[in-house]
Amino acid sequence: MLSNMLLQVAADSTTGLMGAGIGAGIAALAAGLGIGRIGGSALESIARQPEATGDIRTNMIVAAALVEGAAFFAIVVCLLIVFK
């Protein structure tokens, strides 16, 4: 109920539309930075312990998927504000 009310207030003003666009951009930027840090840390860990490559790679993929899921959720919310 609260989310519907917030979506209606945001969709009725041009400031809400501009904020939604900026929010989508920030979500995409943050996801890129997060996945970059995950990849860099994984490569550093593999360089330190090459025998743990499989475990590190698996954990890296799971963490990257969680970051992507959060970013997609944020972008969908911003698009709902724009097109509602």
N, C-alpha and C. Protein backbone atom coordinates (compact mmCIF):
# COMPACT_ATOMS: atom_id res chain seq x y z
N MET A 1 0.81 -1.18 0.00
CA MET A 1 0.00 0.00 0.00
C MET A 1 0.86 1.25 0.00
N LEU A 2 1.88 1.28 0.84
CA LEU A 2 2.77 2.44 0.90
C LEU A 2 3.55 2.58 -0.40
N SER A 3 3.97 1.45 -0.98
CA SER A 3 4.72 1.53 -2.23
C SER A 3 3.85 2.06 -3.37
N ASN A 4 2.57 1.69 -3.41
CA ASN A 4 1.67 2.22 -4.43
C ASN A 4 1.52 3.73 -4.28
N MET A 5 1.40 4.18 -3.04
CA MET A 5 1.25 5.61 -2.80
C MET A 5 2.51 6.36 -3.22
N LEU A 6 3.68 5.81 -2.91
CA LEU A 6 4.92 6.46 -3.30
C LEU A 6 5.08 6.47 -4.82
N LEU A 7 4.69 5.38 -5.49
CA LEU A 7 4.77 5.34 -6.95
C LEU A 7 3.85 6.38 -7.57
N GLN A 8 2.67 6.58 -7.02
CA GLN A 8 1.74 7.57 -7.57
C GLN A 8 2.27 8.98 -7.39
N VAL A 9 2.84 9.27 -6.25
CA VAL A 9 3.39 10.61 -6.00
C VAL A 9 4.57 10.86 -6.93
N ALA A 10 5.43 9.87 -7.10
CA ALA A 10 6.60 10.05 -7.93
C ALA A 10 6.24 10.16 -9.41
N ALA A 11 5.25 9.43 -9.86
CA ALA A 11 4.87 9.44 -11.26
C ALA A 11 4.15 10.71 -11.66
N ASP A 12 3.58 11.43 -10.72
CA ASP A 12 2.82 12.63 -11.04
C ASP A 12 3.70 13.86 -11.22
N SER A 13 4.96 13.79 -10.87
CA SER A 13 5.81 14.97 -10.98
C SER A 13 7.01 14.69 -11.88
N THR A 14 7.50 15.74 -12.51
CA THR A 14 8.68 15.58 -13.36
C THR A 14 9.92 15.32 -12.52
N THR A 15 9.92 15.78 -11.29
CA THR A 15 11.05 15.51 -10.40
C THR A 15 11.15 14.02 -10.11
N GLY A 16 10.00 13.37 -9.95
CA GLY A 16 9.99 11.93 -9.73
C GLY A 16 10.53 11.17 -10.93
N LEU A 17 10.19 11.63 -12.12
CA LEU A 17 10.69 10.99 -13.34
C LEU A 17 12.19 11.16 -13.47
N MET A 18 12.67 12.37 -13.17
CA MET A 18 14.10 12.62 -13.24
C MET A 18 14.83 11.79 -12.18
N GLY A 19 14.26 11.70 -11.00
CA GLY A 19 14.86 10.88 -9.94
C GLY A 19 14.91 9.41 -10.30
N ALA A 20 13.86 8.95 -10.99
CA ALA A 20 13.85 7.54 -11.41
C ALA A 20 14.95 7.27 -12.43
N GLY A 21 15.15 8.19 -13.35
CA GLY A 21 16.23 8.02 -14.33
C GLY A 21 17.59 8.03 -13.68
N ILE A 22 17.79 8.95 -12.76
CA ILE A 22 19.07 9.00 -12.05
C ILE A 22 19.26 7.75 -11.20
N GLY A 23 18.18 7.28 -10.57
CA GLY A 23 18.26 6.07 -9.75
C GLY A 23 18.63 4.84 -10.56
N ALA A 24 18.07 4.74 -11.77
CA ALA A 24 18.41 3.60 -12.63
C ALA A 24 19.88 3.65 -13.03
N GLY A 25 20.36 4.84 -13.33
CA GLY A 25 21.78 4.98 -13.68
C GLY A 25 22.70 4.64 -12.53
N ILE A 26 22.35 5.08 -11.35
CA ILE A 26 23.16 4.78 -10.17
C ILE A 26 23.14 3.28 -9.87
N ALA A 27 21.99 2.64 -10.06
CA ALA A 27 21.90 1.19 -9.82
C ALA A 27 22.79 0.43 -10.79
N ALA A 28 22.80 0.83 -12.06
CA ALA A 28 23.65 0.16 -13.04
C ALA A 28 25.13 0.40 -12.74
N LEU A 29 25.46 1.62 -12.35
CA LEU A 29 26.85 1.95 -12.02
C LEU A 29 27.32 1.17 -10.79
N ALA A 30 26.48 1.11 -9.78
CA ALA A 30 26.85 0.38 -8.56
C ALA A 30 27.01 -1.11 -8.82
N ALA A 31 26.17 -1.67 -9.68
CA ALA A 31 26.31 -3.10 -10.01
C ALA A 31 27.63 -3.35 -10.74
N GLY A 32 27.98 -2.46 -11.65
CA GLY A 32 29.26 -2.61 -12.36
C GLY A 32 30.45 -2.54 -11.42
N LEU A 33 30.40 -1.60 -10.50
CA LEU A 33 31.49 -1.48 -9.52
C LEU A 33 31.54 -2.70 -8.60
N GLY A 34 30.38 -3.18 -8.18
CA GLY A 34 30.34 -4.36 -7.30
C GLY A 34 30.90 -5.60 -7.97
N ILE A 35 30.51 -5.83 -9.21
CA ILE A 35 31.00 -7.02 -9.91
C ILE A 35 32.49 -6.88 -10.21
N GLY A 36 32.95 -5.66 -10.48
CA GLY A 36 34.38 -5.44 -10.69
C GLY A 36 35.19 -5.77 -9.45
N ARG A 37 34.67 -5.35 -8.30
CA ARG A 37 35.38 -5.66 -7.05
C ARG A 37 35.37 -7.16 -6.76
N ILE A 38 34.25 -7.81 -7.05
CA ILE A 38 34.16 -9.26 -6.84
C ILE A 38 35.19 -9.97 -7.71
N GLY A 39 35.24 -9.59 -8.99
CA GLY A 39 36.19 -10.23 -9.91
C GLY A 39 37.63 -9.98 -9.51
N GLY A 40 37.95 -8.74 -9.13
CA GLY A 40 39.31 -8.43 -8.72
C GLY A 40 39.73 -9.20 -7.47
N SER A 41 38.83 -9.27 -6.52
CA SER A 41 39.14 -10.02 -5.29
C SER A 41 39.29 -11.51 -5.56
N ALA A 42 38.47 -12.02 -6.47
CA ALA A 42 38.57 -13.44 -6.80
C ALA A 42 39.90 -13.75 -7.48
N LEU A 43 40.31 -12.89 -8.41
CA LEU A 43 41.60 -13.12 -9.08
C LEU A 43 42.75 -13.04 -8.09
N GLU A 44 42.68 -12.11 -7.16
CA GLU A 44 43.71 -12.00 -6.14
C GLU A 44 43.74 -13.24 -5.25
N SER A 45 42.57 -13.76 -4.91
CA SER A 45 42.50 -14.97 -4.08
C SER A 45 43.04 -16.18 -4.82
N ILE A 46 42.72 -16.28 -6.11
CA ILE A 46 43.22 -17.41 -6.91
C ILE A 46 44.73 -17.33 -7.04
N ALA A 47 45.27 -16.11 -7.15
CA ALA A 47 46.72 -15.96 -7.25
C ALA A 47 47.40 -16.40 -5.96
N ARG A 48 46.75 -16.19 -4.83
CA ARG A 48 47.33 -16.57 -3.55
C ARG A 48 47.18 -18.07 -3.27
N GLN A 49 46.05 -18.64 -3.67
CA GLN A 49 45.80 -20.06 -3.43
C GLN A 49 45.26 -20.72 -4.70
N PRO A 50 46.13 -21.11 -5.60
CA PRO A 50 45.67 -21.68 -6.87
C PRO A 50 44.89 -22.99 -6.69
N GLU A 51 45.11 -23.70 -5.61
CA GLU A 51 44.42 -24.97 -5.42
C GLU A 51 42.94 -24.78 -5.09
N ALA A 52 42.54 -23.59 -4.71
CA ALA A 52 41.14 -23.32 -4.36
C ALA A 52 40.39 -22.62 -5.49
N THR A 53 40.87 -22.75 -6.71
CA THR A 53 40.29 -22.04 -7.85
C THR A 53 38.81 -22.37 -8.04
N GLY A 54 38.43 -23.63 -7.97
CA GLY A 54 37.04 -24.04 -8.20
C GLY A 54 36.08 -23.45 -7.17
N ASP A 55 36.47 -23.51 -5.91
CA ASP A 55 35.61 -22.96 -4.85
C ASP A 55 35.47 -21.45 -4.96
N ILE A 56 36.59 -20.78 -5.25
CA ILE A 56 36.56 -19.32 -5.37
C ILE A 56 35.70 -18.90 -6.56
N ARG A 57 35.85 -19.60 -7.67
CA ARG A 57 35.07 -19.26 -8.87
C ARG A 57 33.57 -19.45 -8.61
N THR A 58 33.22 -20.54 -7.93
CA THR A 58 31.81 -20.80 -7.63
C THR A 58 31.23 -19.69 -6.75
N ASN A 59 31.96 -19.34 -5.70
CA ASN A 59 31.49 -18.28 -4.80
C ASN A 59 31.43 -16.93 -5.52
N MET A 60 32.36 -16.68 -6.44
CA MET A 60 32.36 -15.44 -7.19
C MET A 60 31.12 -15.34 -8.07
N ILE A 61 30.74 -16.42 -8.72
CA ILE A 61 29.58 -16.42 -9.60
C ILE A 61 28.30 -16.21 -8.78
N VAL A 62 28.20 -16.83 -7.63
CA VAL A 62 27.02 -16.65 -6.78
C VAL A 62 26.92 -15.20 -6.30
N ALA A 63 28.04 -14.62 -5.87
CA ALA A 63 28.03 -13.24 -5.40
C ALA A 63 27.69 -12.28 -6.53
N ALA A 64 28.22 -12.52 -7.73
CA ALA A 64 27.92 -11.66 -8.87
C ALA A 64 26.44 -11.75 -9.25
N ALA A 65 25.86 -12.94 -9.14
CA ALA A 65 24.44 -13.10 -9.45
C ALA A 65 23.58 -12.34 -8.44
N LEU A 66 23.97 -12.34 -7.17
CA LEU A 66 23.23 -11.59 -6.17
C LEU A 66 23.30 -10.08 -6.42
N VAL A 67 24.47 -9.60 -6.82
CA VAL A 67 24.61 -8.17 -7.14
C VAL A 67 23.76 -7.82 -8.35
N GLU A 68 23.78 -8.65 -9.38
CA GLU A 68 22.96 -8.41 -10.57
C GLU A 68 21.48 -8.42 -10.23
N GLY A 69 21.06 -9.33 -9.37
CA GLY A 69 19.66 -9.39 -8.98
C GLY A 69 19.21 -8.12 -8.28
N ALA A 70 20.05 -7.61 -7.39
CA ALA A 70 19.71 -6.37 -6.70
C ALA A 70 19.66 -5.19 -7.67
N ALA A 71 20.58 -5.16 -8.63
CA ALA A 71 20.59 -4.08 -9.62
C ALA A 71 19.37 -4.16 -10.52
N PHE A 72 18.99 -5.34 -10.96
CA PHE A 72 17.81 -5.48 -11.80
C PHE A 72 16.55 -5.06 -11.05
N PHE A 73 16.49 -5.41 -9.77
CA PHE A 73 15.33 -5.00 -8.96
C PHE A 73 15.25 -3.48 -8.88
N ALA A 74 16.37 -2.82 -8.65
CA ALA A 74 16.38 -1.36 -8.56
C ALA A 74 15.99 -0.73 -9.89
N ILE A 75 16.47 -1.27 -10.99
CA ILE A 75 16.14 -0.72 -12.31
C ILE A 75 14.67 -0.93 -12.62
N VAL A 76 14.11 -2.07 -12.27
CA VAL A 76 12.69 -2.33 -12.51
C VAL A 76 11.83 -1.36 -11.70
N VAL A 77 12.22 -1.10 -10.46
CA VAL A 77 11.46 -0.15 -9.64
C VAL A 77 11.50 1.24 -10.28
N CYS A 78 12.66 1.65 -10.77
CA CYS A 78 12.77 2.95 -11.43
C CYS A 78 11.93 3.00 -12.70
N LEU A 79 11.92 1.92 -13.46
CA LEU A 79 11.10 1.89 -14.67
C LEU A 79 9.62 1.89 -14.35
N LEU A 80 9.23 1.25 -13.26
CA LEU A 80 7.82 1.30 -12.83
C LEU A 80 7.41 2.73 -12.51
N ILE A 81 8.30 3.48 -11.90
CA ILE A 81 7.99 4.87 -11.59
C ILE A 81 7.82 5.67 -12.88
N VAL A 82 8.68 5.43 -13.85
CA VAL A 82 8.62 6.18 -15.10
C VAL A 82 7.36 5.86 -15.89
N PHE A 83 7.01 4.59 -16.00
CA PHE A 83 5.91 4.19 -16.88
C PHE A 83 4.57 3.98 -16.18
N LYS A 84 4.50 4.23 -14.91
CA LYS A 84 3.23 4.05 -14.20
C LYS A 84 2.34 5.25 -14.39
